[in-house]
Amino acid sequence: MIRRIALLAVPLLLAVTAACTADAEPPPPSGQDPAASRPSPFADCAALTSAPDGSVADRPADGDSPLPELSLTCFTGGAPVALRDVRGPAVINIWASWCPPCRKELPAFQRLSERADGQLRVIGVNTQDSRSAAQSIGEDFGVRFPMLVDQGQAMQRALRRNAFPMTVFLDASGQVRHIDTSGALDDASLAGLVRQHLGIAVAGE
């Protein structure tokens, strides 16, 4: 009798076990970056190849100084973005989480992206960094603009600059108008550079 009860209990035990584990998510593989399981704070990069206001801008003319012929991955995934296809006007901030001036100025770039929405776009390029560190900074500072990833400093080498932070000002035709390496930018200095090099007056300046 005891043996029969034990045999009858086995299927019931298996059913209960299956029910308890059916809705549980499997643990991440060993060594996986914890950031990969969290939603990205950054915007998608799909719109970077269209002008901010939807208008059609002229392409760079011969002799202009466009962005390098490089393709960078987007933090949120998807197809790589060819820098030559990025449409301005745009402000491109090259940064890393381990760089104190970079962290200091990131909130100013986020505010610029909000105040100048429709006039220009703000784009980040995270370099020499880990995904988890960059994502944590984005979450902590509320950074929402699109983020490209350049782990090998390819963009800095192509621009012949080796400084952190570095900000590139790109006009509507895709021409690089200015590269700033003066240090952490605040709201006023960033708005001043946008006005000076891109001819755009930022709201609330």
N, C-alpha and C. Protein backbone atom coordinates (compact mmCIF):
# COMPACT_ATOMS: atom_id res chain seq x y z
N MET A 1 0.84 -1.21 0.00
CA MET A 1 0.00 0.00 0.00
C MET A 1 0.88 1.26 0.00
N ILE A 2 1.89 1.26 0.88
CA ILE A 2 2.78 2.43 0.95
C ILE A 2 3.49 2.66 -0.37
N ARG A 3 3.92 1.53 -1.01
CA ARG A 3 4.62 1.67 -2.28
C ARG A 3 3.69 2.24 -3.35
N ARG A 4 2.37 1.78 -3.33
CA ARG A 4 1.42 2.27 -4.32
C ARG A 4 1.20 3.77 -4.14
N ILE A 5 1.10 4.25 -2.90
CA ILE A 5 0.90 5.67 -2.64
C ILE A 5 2.10 6.48 -3.13
N ALA A 6 3.28 5.93 -2.89
CA ALA A 6 4.50 6.62 -3.32
C ALA A 6 4.56 6.75 -4.83
N LEU A 7 4.14 5.66 -5.53
CA LEU A 7 4.15 5.69 -7.00
C LEU A 7 3.14 6.69 -7.54
N LEU A 8 1.97 6.76 -6.88
CA LEU A 8 0.95 7.71 -7.31
C LEU A 8 1.38 9.16 -7.06
N ALA A 9 2.21 9.39 -6.07
CA ALA A 9 2.63 10.74 -5.71
C ALA A 9 3.68 11.31 -6.66
N VAL A 10 4.39 10.44 -7.35
CA VAL A 10 5.47 10.91 -8.23
C VAL A 10 4.95 11.82 -9.35
N PRO A 11 3.90 11.40 -10.11
CA PRO A 11 3.40 12.32 -11.16
C PRO A 11 2.91 13.64 -10.60
N LEU A 12 2.25 13.60 -9.42
CA LEU A 12 1.76 14.83 -8.82
C LEU A 12 2.91 15.76 -8.46
N LEU A 13 3.98 15.20 -7.92
CA LEU A 13 5.15 16.00 -7.56
C LEU A 13 5.78 16.64 -8.79
N LEU A 14 5.86 15.89 -9.88
CA LEU A 14 6.44 16.42 -11.11
C LEU A 14 5.58 17.55 -11.67
N ALA A 15 4.25 17.42 -11.58
CA ALA A 15 3.35 18.46 -12.08
C ALA A 15 3.49 19.73 -11.28
N VAL A 16 3.58 19.61 -9.97
CA VAL A 16 3.74 20.79 -9.12
C VAL A 16 5.06 21.48 -9.40
N THR A 17 6.12 20.69 -9.57
CA THR A 17 7.45 21.26 -9.86
C THR A 17 7.43 22.02 -11.18
N ALA A 18 6.76 21.45 -12.19
CA ALA A 18 6.69 22.12 -13.50
C ALA A 18 5.92 23.42 -13.39
N ALA A 19 4.84 23.43 -12.62
CA ALA A 19 4.04 24.64 -12.47
C ALA A 19 4.81 25.73 -11.78
N CYS A 20 5.67 25.41 -10.84
CA CYS A 20 6.44 26.42 -10.10
C CYS A 20 7.53 27.05 -10.95
N THR A 21 8.02 26.30 -11.93
CA THR A 21 9.16 26.80 -12.71
C THR A 21 8.75 27.31 -14.08
N ALA A 22 7.49 27.13 -14.46
CA ALA A 22 7.08 27.49 -15.82
C ALA A 22 7.22 28.98 -16.08
N ASP A 23 6.91 29.81 -15.08
CA ASP A 23 6.93 31.26 -15.27
C ASP A 23 8.25 31.91 -14.85
N ALA A 24 9.18 31.13 -14.35
CA ALA A 24 10.45 31.68 -13.88
C ALA A 24 11.38 31.90 -15.07
N GLU A 25 12.12 33.04 -15.07
CA GLU A 25 13.09 33.32 -16.12
C GLU A 25 14.39 32.60 -15.81
N PRO A 26 15.01 32.01 -16.83
CA PRO A 26 16.27 31.33 -16.58
C PRO A 26 17.35 32.32 -16.18
N PRO A 27 18.28 31.94 -15.33
CA PRO A 27 19.36 32.86 -14.95
C PRO A 27 20.23 33.17 -16.15
N PRO A 28 20.84 34.36 -16.18
CA PRO A 28 21.72 34.70 -17.32
C PRO A 28 22.92 33.79 -17.35
N PRO A 29 23.44 33.52 -18.54
CA PRO A 29 24.63 32.68 -18.65
C PRO A 29 25.78 33.25 -17.84
N SER A 30 26.62 32.37 -17.35
CA SER A 30 27.77 32.80 -16.55
C SER A 30 28.66 33.73 -17.34
N GLY A 31 29.03 34.88 -16.75
CA GLY A 31 29.90 35.84 -17.41
C GLY A 31 29.17 36.87 -18.24
N GLN A 32 27.85 36.79 -18.35
CA GLN A 32 27.10 37.77 -19.15
C GLN A 32 27.05 39.11 -18.43
N ASP A 33 27.20 40.21 -19.19
CA ASP A 33 27.13 41.55 -18.63
C ASP A 33 25.74 41.78 -18.06
N PRO A 34 25.61 42.14 -16.77
CA PRO A 34 24.28 42.38 -16.18
C PRO A 34 23.48 43.43 -16.92
N ALA A 35 24.16 44.40 -17.57
CA ALA A 35 23.44 45.46 -18.28
C ALA A 35 22.66 44.93 -19.46
N ALA A 36 23.09 43.78 -19.99
CA ALA A 36 22.42 43.23 -21.17
C ALA A 36 20.99 42.83 -20.87
N SER A 37 20.68 42.56 -19.62
CA SER A 37 19.33 42.13 -19.26
C SER A 37 18.43 43.31 -18.88
N ARG A 38 18.98 44.55 -18.86
CA ARG A 38 18.18 45.72 -18.50
C ARG A 38 17.87 46.53 -19.75
N PRO A 39 16.71 47.18 -19.79
CA PRO A 39 16.40 48.04 -20.95
C PRO A 39 17.41 49.17 -21.06
N SER A 40 17.79 49.51 -22.27
CA SER A 40 18.74 50.60 -22.47
C SER A 40 18.08 51.94 -22.17
N PRO A 41 18.78 52.85 -21.49
CA PRO A 41 18.22 54.18 -21.25
C PRO A 41 18.30 55.06 -22.49
N PHE A 42 19.13 54.68 -23.45
CA PHE A 42 19.39 55.54 -24.61
C PHE A 42 18.36 55.32 -25.72
N ALA A 43 18.22 56.34 -26.56
CA ALA A 43 17.28 56.26 -27.68
C ALA A 43 17.86 55.40 -28.79
N ASP A 44 16.99 54.93 -29.66
CA ASP A 44 17.39 54.17 -30.82
C ASP A 44 18.12 55.07 -31.81
N CYS A 45 18.95 54.48 -32.66
CA CYS A 45 19.76 55.25 -33.59
C CYS A 45 19.17 55.30 -35.00
N ALA A 46 18.02 54.72 -35.21
CA ALA A 46 17.49 54.58 -36.57
C ALA A 46 17.27 55.92 -37.27
N ALA A 47 16.95 56.97 -36.50
CA ALA A 47 16.62 58.26 -37.12
C ALA A 47 17.83 59.13 -37.41
N LEU A 48 19.03 58.66 -37.09
CA LEU A 48 20.20 59.53 -37.21
C LEU A 48 20.55 59.89 -38.65
N THR A 49 20.05 59.14 -39.60
CA THR A 49 20.38 59.44 -41.00
C THR A 49 19.32 60.30 -41.68
N SER A 50 18.38 60.86 -40.91
CA SER A 50 17.43 61.83 -41.44
C SER A 50 17.62 63.14 -40.71
N ALA A 51 17.36 64.25 -41.37
CA ALA A 51 17.55 65.57 -40.75
C ALA A 51 16.64 65.71 -39.54
N PRO A 52 17.06 66.45 -38.50
CA PRO A 52 16.27 66.57 -37.27
C PRO A 52 14.84 67.02 -37.48
N ASP A 53 14.61 67.93 -38.43
CA ASP A 53 13.24 68.43 -38.64
C ASP A 53 12.55 67.76 -39.81
N GLY A 54 13.19 66.71 -40.35
CA GLY A 54 12.60 65.99 -41.47
C GLY A 54 12.88 66.60 -42.82
N SER A 55 13.57 67.75 -42.85
CA SER A 55 13.87 68.40 -44.13
C SER A 55 15.05 67.72 -44.81
N VAL A 56 15.23 68.01 -46.07
CA VAL A 56 16.33 67.43 -46.82
C VAL A 56 17.48 68.43 -46.84
N ALA A 57 18.63 68.02 -46.33
CA ALA A 57 19.80 68.90 -46.29
C ALA A 57 20.74 68.55 -47.44
N ASP A 58 21.51 69.54 -47.86
CA ASP A 58 22.51 69.30 -48.90
C ASP A 58 23.60 68.40 -48.36
N ARG A 59 24.13 67.56 -49.23
CA ARG A 59 25.26 66.72 -48.85
C ARG A 59 26.54 67.56 -48.89
N PRO A 60 27.59 67.12 -48.16
CA PRO A 60 28.83 67.89 -48.16
C PRO A 60 29.41 68.04 -49.56
N ALA A 61 29.94 69.20 -49.85
CA ALA A 61 30.58 69.44 -51.14
C ALA A 61 32.04 69.01 -51.09
N ASP A 62 32.63 68.87 -52.26
CA ASP A 62 34.05 68.53 -52.31
C ASP A 62 34.86 69.59 -51.57
N GLY A 63 35.80 69.14 -50.77
CA GLY A 63 36.62 70.07 -50.02
C GLY A 63 36.11 70.32 -48.61
N ASP A 64 34.86 69.94 -48.34
CA ASP A 64 34.34 70.06 -46.99
C ASP A 64 34.98 69.02 -46.09
N SER A 65 34.73 69.13 -44.79
CA SER A 65 35.30 68.20 -43.83
C SER A 65 34.19 67.40 -43.17
N PRO A 66 33.76 66.31 -43.80
CA PRO A 66 32.68 65.51 -43.24
C PRO A 66 33.20 64.59 -42.13
N LEU A 67 32.30 63.87 -41.51
CA LEU A 67 32.69 62.88 -40.52
C LEU A 67 33.49 61.76 -41.19
N PRO A 68 34.29 61.03 -40.42
CA PRO A 68 35.09 59.95 -41.00
C PRO A 68 34.24 58.86 -41.64
N GLU A 69 34.84 58.13 -42.55
CA GLU A 69 34.16 57.00 -43.18
C GLU A 69 34.23 55.79 -42.24
N LEU A 70 33.41 55.82 -41.22
CA LEU A 70 33.36 54.76 -40.22
C LEU A 70 31.92 54.37 -39.99
N SER A 71 31.71 53.13 -39.57
CA SER A 71 30.40 52.67 -39.13
C SER A 71 30.52 52.21 -37.69
N LEU A 72 29.63 52.71 -36.83
CA LEU A 72 29.65 52.36 -35.41
C LEU A 72 28.34 51.68 -35.04
N THR A 73 28.43 50.78 -34.07
CA THR A 73 27.23 50.10 -33.61
C THR A 73 26.42 51.02 -32.69
N CYS A 74 25.13 50.76 -32.61
CA CYS A 74 24.26 51.51 -31.73
C CYS A 74 24.14 50.77 -30.40
N PHE A 75 24.10 51.50 -29.31
CA PHE A 75 24.00 50.89 -27.99
C PHE A 75 22.76 50.01 -27.88
N THR A 76 21.69 50.39 -28.57
CA THR A 76 20.44 49.64 -28.49
C THR A 76 20.37 48.50 -29.49
N GLY A 77 21.40 48.34 -30.33
CA GLY A 77 21.40 47.27 -31.32
C GLY A 77 20.96 47.77 -32.68
N GLY A 78 20.66 46.83 -33.55
CA GLY A 78 20.25 47.19 -34.91
C GLY A 78 21.44 47.31 -35.84
N ALA A 79 21.19 47.82 -37.03
CA ALA A 79 22.24 47.93 -38.03
C ALA A 79 23.26 48.99 -37.63
N PRO A 80 24.55 48.78 -37.97
CA PRO A 80 25.56 49.81 -37.70
C PRO A 80 25.21 51.11 -38.41
N VAL A 81 25.67 52.21 -37.83
CA VAL A 81 25.39 53.54 -38.38
C VAL A 81 26.64 54.07 -39.07
N ALA A 82 26.54 54.38 -40.34
CA ALA A 82 27.65 54.98 -41.07
C ALA A 82 27.70 56.46 -40.72
N LEU A 83 28.83 56.92 -40.18
CA LEU A 83 28.94 58.31 -39.74
C LEU A 83 28.71 59.29 -40.88
N ARG A 84 29.14 58.92 -42.09
CA ARG A 84 28.94 59.82 -43.24
C ARG A 84 27.46 60.01 -43.56
N ASP A 85 26.61 59.10 -43.08
CA ASP A 85 25.17 59.21 -43.34
C ASP A 85 24.43 59.96 -42.24
N VAL A 86 25.11 60.30 -41.15
CA VAL A 86 24.47 61.04 -40.07
C VAL A 86 24.13 62.45 -40.55
N ARG A 87 22.88 62.86 -40.35
CA ARG A 87 22.45 64.15 -40.85
C ARG A 87 22.45 65.19 -39.74
N GLY A 88 23.00 66.34 -40.04
CA GLY A 88 23.03 67.43 -39.09
C GLY A 88 21.85 68.37 -39.29
N PRO A 89 21.83 69.45 -38.54
CA PRO A 89 22.86 69.82 -37.56
C PRO A 89 22.84 68.89 -36.35
N ALA A 90 24.04 68.64 -35.82
CA ALA A 90 24.16 67.72 -34.71
C ALA A 90 25.35 68.11 -33.83
N VAL A 91 25.23 67.74 -32.57
CA VAL A 91 26.32 67.88 -31.61
C VAL A 91 26.66 66.47 -31.14
N ILE A 92 27.88 66.05 -31.38
CA ILE A 92 28.31 64.68 -31.09
C ILE A 92 29.30 64.70 -29.93
N ASN A 93 28.94 64.08 -28.83
CA ASN A 93 29.77 64.07 -27.63
C ASN A 93 30.44 62.72 -27.46
N ILE A 94 31.78 62.72 -27.45
CA ILE A 94 32.56 61.50 -27.27
C ILE A 94 32.98 61.42 -25.80
N TRP A 95 32.62 60.34 -25.13
CA TRP A 95 32.78 60.28 -23.68
C TRP A 95 33.04 58.85 -23.20
N ALA A 96 33.41 58.75 -21.93
CA ALA A 96 33.58 57.46 -21.25
C ALA A 96 33.18 57.63 -19.79
N SER A 97 32.68 56.59 -19.18
CA SER A 97 32.20 56.69 -17.80
C SER A 97 33.31 56.94 -16.81
N TRP A 98 34.55 56.53 -17.15
CA TRP A 98 35.67 56.70 -16.22
C TRP A 98 36.31 58.09 -16.30
N CYS A 99 35.76 58.96 -17.15
CA CYS A 99 36.29 60.32 -17.37
C CYS A 99 35.45 61.31 -16.56
N PRO A 100 35.99 61.87 -15.46
CA PRO A 100 35.20 62.79 -14.62
C PRO A 100 34.61 63.98 -15.37
N PRO A 101 35.36 64.69 -16.24
CA PRO A 101 34.73 65.80 -16.98
C PRO A 101 33.58 65.34 -17.88
N CYS A 102 33.69 64.10 -18.42
CA CYS A 102 32.62 63.56 -19.26
C CYS A 102 31.34 63.42 -18.45
N ARG A 103 31.48 62.84 -17.27
CA ARG A 103 30.31 62.65 -16.41
C ARG A 103 29.72 64.00 -15.99
N LYS A 104 30.60 64.97 -15.75
CA LYS A 104 30.13 66.29 -15.31
C LYS A 104 29.28 66.98 -16.37
N GLU A 105 29.65 66.84 -17.64
CA GLU A 105 28.95 67.57 -18.69
C GLU A 105 27.78 66.83 -19.32
N LEU A 106 27.65 65.54 -19.09
CA LEU A 106 26.59 64.77 -19.73
C LEU A 106 25.18 65.35 -19.47
N PRO A 107 24.85 65.77 -18.24
CA PRO A 107 23.51 66.34 -18.03
C PRO A 107 23.24 67.58 -18.90
N ALA A 108 24.29 68.37 -19.17
CA ALA A 108 24.11 69.55 -20.03
C ALA A 108 23.76 69.13 -21.46
N PHE A 109 24.34 68.03 -21.92
CA PHE A 109 24.00 67.54 -23.26
C PHE A 109 22.58 67.01 -23.31
N GLN A 110 22.14 66.35 -22.23
CA GLN A 110 20.77 65.89 -22.19
C GLN A 110 19.79 67.07 -22.23
N ARG A 111 20.10 68.13 -21.46
CA ARG A 111 19.23 69.32 -21.48
C ARG A 111 19.24 69.98 -22.85
N LEU A 112 20.40 70.00 -23.52
CA LEU A 112 20.47 70.55 -24.87
C LEU A 112 19.58 69.76 -25.81
N SER A 113 19.61 68.43 -25.70
CA SER A 113 18.78 67.60 -26.58
C SER A 113 17.30 67.88 -26.39
N GLU A 114 16.91 68.26 -25.19
CA GLU A 114 15.51 68.57 -24.91
C GLU A 114 15.15 69.98 -25.39
N ARG A 115 16.03 70.96 -25.12
CA ARG A 115 15.73 72.34 -25.47
C ARG A 115 15.80 72.59 -26.97
N ALA A 116 16.69 71.86 -27.64
CA ALA A 116 16.90 72.09 -29.08
C ALA A 116 16.22 71.04 -29.94
N ASP A 117 15.28 70.30 -29.37
CA ASP A 117 14.58 69.26 -30.12
C ASP A 117 13.92 69.86 -31.36
N GLY A 118 14.19 69.27 -32.53
CA GLY A 118 13.67 69.80 -33.79
C GLY A 118 14.61 70.76 -34.49
N GLN A 119 15.58 71.32 -33.73
CA GLN A 119 16.57 72.22 -34.33
C GLN A 119 17.87 71.50 -34.64
N LEU A 120 18.27 70.66 -33.74
CA LEU A 120 19.48 69.85 -33.92
C LEU A 120 19.31 68.59 -33.10
N ARG A 121 20.21 67.65 -33.32
CA ARG A 121 20.19 66.42 -32.52
C ARG A 121 21.47 66.29 -31.73
N VAL A 122 21.39 65.65 -30.60
CA VAL A 122 22.55 65.35 -29.78
C VAL A 122 22.80 63.85 -29.86
N ILE A 123 24.05 63.49 -30.12
CA ILE A 123 24.43 62.09 -30.29
C ILE A 123 25.62 61.81 -29.37
N GLY A 124 25.60 60.70 -28.69
CA GLY A 124 26.72 60.29 -27.88
C GLY A 124 27.54 59.22 -28.57
N VAL A 125 28.85 59.22 -28.31
CA VAL A 125 29.73 58.14 -28.75
C VAL A 125 30.49 57.67 -27.51
N ASN A 126 30.13 56.51 -27.02
CA ASN A 126 30.78 55.95 -25.84
C ASN A 126 31.99 55.14 -26.29
N THR A 127 33.15 55.42 -25.71
CA THR A 127 34.38 54.78 -26.17
C THR A 127 35.20 54.25 -25.01
N GLN A 128 35.91 53.16 -25.26
CA GLN A 128 36.81 52.54 -24.27
C GLN A 128 36.10 52.30 -22.94
N ASP A 129 34.93 51.75 -23.00
CA ASP A 129 34.09 51.62 -21.81
C ASP A 129 33.43 50.26 -21.80
N SER A 130 32.86 49.88 -20.66
CA SER A 130 32.06 48.67 -20.59
C SER A 130 30.59 49.05 -20.75
N ARG A 131 29.82 48.12 -21.26
CA ARG A 131 28.40 48.38 -21.46
C ARG A 131 27.70 48.68 -20.14
N SER A 132 28.04 47.93 -19.10
CA SER A 132 27.37 48.13 -17.82
C SER A 132 27.68 49.49 -17.22
N ALA A 133 28.94 49.96 -17.36
CA ALA A 133 29.30 51.27 -16.82
C ALA A 133 28.60 52.39 -17.58
N ALA A 134 28.58 52.28 -18.91
CA ALA A 134 27.90 53.31 -19.72
C ALA A 134 26.40 53.32 -19.43
N GLN A 135 25.81 52.15 -19.31
CA GLN A 135 24.38 52.09 -19.05
C GLN A 135 24.05 52.67 -17.68
N SER A 136 24.88 52.38 -16.68
CA SER A 136 24.64 52.92 -15.34
C SER A 136 24.68 54.44 -15.34
N ILE A 137 25.65 55.02 -16.07
CA ILE A 137 25.72 56.48 -16.17
C ILE A 137 24.47 57.03 -16.85
N GLY A 138 24.04 56.37 -17.93
CA GLY A 138 22.83 56.81 -18.62
C GLY A 138 21.62 56.78 -17.72
N GLU A 139 21.51 55.73 -16.92
CA GLU A 139 20.38 55.61 -16.00
C GLU A 139 20.45 56.65 -14.89
N ASP A 140 21.64 56.81 -14.31
CA ASP A 140 21.80 57.73 -13.17
C ASP A 140 21.59 59.18 -13.57
N PHE A 141 22.07 59.56 -14.77
CA PHE A 141 22.01 60.95 -15.20
C PHE A 141 20.82 61.26 -16.10
N GLY A 142 20.00 60.27 -16.38
CA GLY A 142 18.83 60.50 -17.23
C GLY A 142 19.17 60.82 -18.67
N VAL A 143 20.23 60.23 -19.19
CA VAL A 143 20.65 60.49 -20.58
C VAL A 143 19.77 59.65 -21.51
N ARG A 144 19.13 60.31 -22.47
CA ARG A 144 18.17 59.62 -23.33
C ARG A 144 18.50 59.74 -24.82
N PHE A 145 19.48 60.55 -25.20
CA PHE A 145 19.75 60.71 -26.63
C PHE A 145 20.44 59.46 -27.19
N PRO A 146 20.46 59.29 -28.53
CA PRO A 146 21.04 58.08 -29.13
C PRO A 146 22.52 57.95 -28.79
N MET A 147 22.95 56.70 -28.62
CA MET A 147 24.32 56.44 -28.20
C MET A 147 24.97 55.42 -29.14
N LEU A 148 26.08 55.83 -29.76
CA LEU A 148 26.91 54.93 -30.56
C LEU A 148 28.05 54.40 -29.69
N VAL A 149 28.65 53.29 -30.14
CA VAL A 149 29.72 52.65 -29.37
C VAL A 149 30.96 52.56 -30.23
N ASP A 150 32.09 53.04 -29.70
CA ASP A 150 33.37 53.02 -30.41
C ASP A 150 34.44 52.52 -29.45
N GLN A 151 34.54 51.23 -29.28
CA GLN A 151 35.47 50.68 -28.29
C GLN A 151 36.92 50.87 -28.67
N GLY A 152 37.21 51.02 -29.95
CA GLY A 152 38.60 51.08 -30.36
C GLY A 152 39.14 52.47 -30.64
N GLN A 153 38.41 53.55 -30.25
CA GLN A 153 38.84 54.92 -30.50
C GLN A 153 39.01 55.23 -31.99
N ALA A 154 38.27 54.51 -32.83
CA ALA A 154 38.42 54.72 -34.28
C ALA A 154 38.04 56.14 -34.68
N MET A 155 36.99 56.68 -34.08
CA MET A 155 36.55 58.03 -34.46
C MET A 155 37.57 59.07 -34.03
N GLN A 156 38.11 58.95 -32.82
CA GLN A 156 39.11 59.90 -32.36
C GLN A 156 40.37 59.85 -33.22
N ARG A 157 40.79 58.64 -33.57
CA ARG A 157 41.98 58.52 -34.42
C ARG A 157 41.73 59.14 -35.79
N ALA A 158 40.54 58.91 -36.34
CA ALA A 158 40.22 59.46 -37.66
C ALA A 158 40.16 60.99 -37.62
N LEU A 159 39.72 61.55 -36.49
CA LEU A 159 39.66 63.00 -36.34
C LEU A 159 40.99 63.59 -35.86
N ARG A 160 41.96 62.72 -35.60
CA ARG A 160 43.30 63.12 -35.14
C ARG A 160 43.23 63.91 -33.84
N ARG A 161 42.38 63.42 -32.96
CA ARG A 161 42.24 64.01 -31.62
C ARG A 161 42.33 62.88 -30.59
N ASN A 162 42.96 63.17 -29.48
CA ASN A 162 43.03 62.18 -28.40
C ASN A 162 42.75 62.91 -27.09
N ALA A 163 41.51 63.26 -26.89
CA ALA A 163 41.15 64.04 -25.71
C ALA A 163 39.78 63.60 -25.21
N PHE A 164 39.60 63.72 -23.90
CA PHE A 164 38.31 63.45 -23.27
C PHE A 164 37.97 64.63 -22.37
N PRO A 165 36.72 65.08 -22.42
CA PRO A 165 35.73 64.75 -23.44
C PRO A 165 36.01 65.49 -24.73
N MET A 166 35.32 65.09 -25.79
CA MET A 166 35.48 65.74 -27.08
C MET A 166 34.10 65.91 -27.71
N THR A 167 33.84 67.09 -28.26
CA THR A 167 32.53 67.37 -28.84
C THR A 167 32.69 67.89 -30.26
N VAL A 168 31.95 67.27 -31.17
CA VAL A 168 32.00 67.61 -32.59
C VAL A 168 30.71 68.33 -32.98
N PHE A 169 30.85 69.47 -33.67
CA PHE A 169 29.69 70.25 -34.12
C PHE A 169 29.55 70.06 -35.62
N LEU A 170 28.43 69.46 -36.02
CA LEU A 170 28.19 69.08 -37.41
C LEU A 170 27.05 69.92 -37.98
N ASP A 171 27.29 70.57 -39.12
CA ASP A 171 26.24 71.44 -39.67
C ASP A 171 25.24 70.64 -40.50
N ALA A 172 24.26 71.34 -41.07
CA ALA A 172 23.16 70.67 -41.77
C ALA A 172 23.61 69.91 -43.01
N SER A 173 24.75 70.29 -43.59
CA SER A 173 25.25 69.60 -44.78
C SER A 173 26.16 68.44 -44.42
N GLY A 174 26.36 68.19 -43.13
CA GLY A 174 27.22 67.09 -42.71
C GLY A 174 28.68 67.47 -42.58
N GLN A 175 28.97 68.78 -42.56
CA GLN A 175 30.35 69.25 -42.45
C GLN A 175 30.71 69.51 -40.99
N VAL A 176 31.88 69.06 -40.59
CA VAL A 176 32.38 69.33 -39.25
C VAL A 176 32.79 70.79 -39.16
N ARG A 177 32.13 71.55 -38.31
CA ARG A 177 32.41 72.98 -38.17
C ARG A 177 33.36 73.28 -37.02
N HIS A 178 33.37 72.42 -36.02
CA HIS A 178 34.23 72.69 -34.86
C HIS A 178 34.37 71.42 -34.04
N ILE A 179 35.56 71.24 -33.46
CA ILE A 179 35.81 70.15 -32.52
C ILE A 179 36.30 70.78 -31.23
N ASP A 180 35.56 70.57 -30.16
CA ASP A 180 35.89 71.20 -28.88
C ASP A 180 36.52 70.17 -27.95
N THR A 181 37.68 70.53 -27.38
CA THR A 181 38.36 69.67 -26.41
C THR A 181 38.77 70.50 -25.19
N SER A 182 37.97 71.53 -24.88
CA SER A 182 38.33 72.47 -23.82
C SER A 182 38.02 71.95 -22.41
N GLY A 183 37.34 70.82 -22.29
CA GLY A 183 36.98 70.30 -20.98
C GLY A 183 35.48 70.23 -20.82
N ALA A 184 35.03 70.05 -19.59
CA ALA A 184 33.60 69.89 -19.33
C ALA A 184 32.84 71.15 -19.72
N LEU A 185 31.79 70.99 -20.53
CA LEU A 185 30.97 72.10 -20.98
C LEU A 185 29.72 72.19 -20.10
N ASP A 186 29.34 73.42 -19.76
CA ASP A 186 28.08 73.62 -19.04
C ASP A 186 27.03 74.11 -20.03
N ASP A 187 25.83 74.40 -19.53
CA ASP A 187 24.73 74.79 -20.42
C ASP A 187 25.07 76.04 -21.22
N ALA A 188 25.64 77.04 -20.57
CA ALA A 188 25.91 78.31 -21.23
C ALA A 188 26.99 78.16 -22.30
N SER A 189 28.09 77.49 -21.97
CA SER A 189 29.18 77.34 -22.95
C SER A 189 28.75 76.45 -24.11
N LEU A 190 27.95 75.44 -23.84
CA LEU A 190 27.47 74.55 -24.90
C LEU A 190 26.53 75.31 -25.84
N ALA A 191 25.61 76.09 -25.28
CA ALA A 191 24.70 76.89 -26.10
C ALA A 191 25.47 77.92 -26.92
N GLY A 192 26.51 78.50 -26.32
CA GLY A 192 27.32 79.47 -27.04
C GLY A 192 28.04 78.86 -28.23
N LEU A 193 28.56 77.65 -28.06
CA LEU A 193 29.25 76.97 -29.15
C LEU A 193 28.27 76.59 -30.26
N VAL A 194 27.07 76.18 -29.88
CA VAL A 194 26.04 75.85 -30.88
C VAL A 194 25.69 77.09 -31.69
N ARG A 195 25.54 78.22 -31.03
CA ARG A 195 25.21 79.47 -31.73
C ARG A 195 26.36 79.90 -32.63
N GLN A 196 27.58 79.80 -32.10
CA GLN A 196 28.74 80.27 -32.84
C GLN A 196 29.03 79.42 -34.08
N HIS A 197 28.97 78.11 -33.94
CA HIS A 197 29.43 77.23 -35.02
C HIS A 197 28.31 76.66 -35.88
N LEU A 198 27.07 76.62 -35.34
CA LEU A 198 25.96 76.08 -36.12
C LEU A 198 24.90 77.12 -36.43
N GLY A 199 25.04 78.32 -35.83
CA GLY A 199 24.08 79.38 -36.11
C GLY A 199 22.69 79.11 -35.55
N ILE A 200 22.62 78.33 -34.49
CA ILE A 200 21.32 77.98 -33.90
C ILE A 200 21.23 78.56 -32.50
N ALA A 201 20.17 79.30 -32.24
CA ALA A 201 19.92 79.83 -30.89
C ALA A 201 19.05 78.83 -30.15
N VAL A 202 19.58 78.33 -29.05
CA VAL A 202 18.89 77.30 -28.29
C VAL A 202 17.87 77.96 -27.37
N ALA A 203 16.69 77.39 -27.28
CA ALA A 203 15.63 77.92 -26.42
C ALA A 203 16.10 77.93 -24.97
N GLY A 204 15.80 79.04 -24.26
CA GLY A 204 16.17 79.14 -22.86
C GLY A 204 17.63 79.53 -22.65
N GLU A 205 18.33 79.87 -23.74
CA GLU A 205 19.75 80.23 -23.64
C GLU A 205 19.94 81.51 -22.84
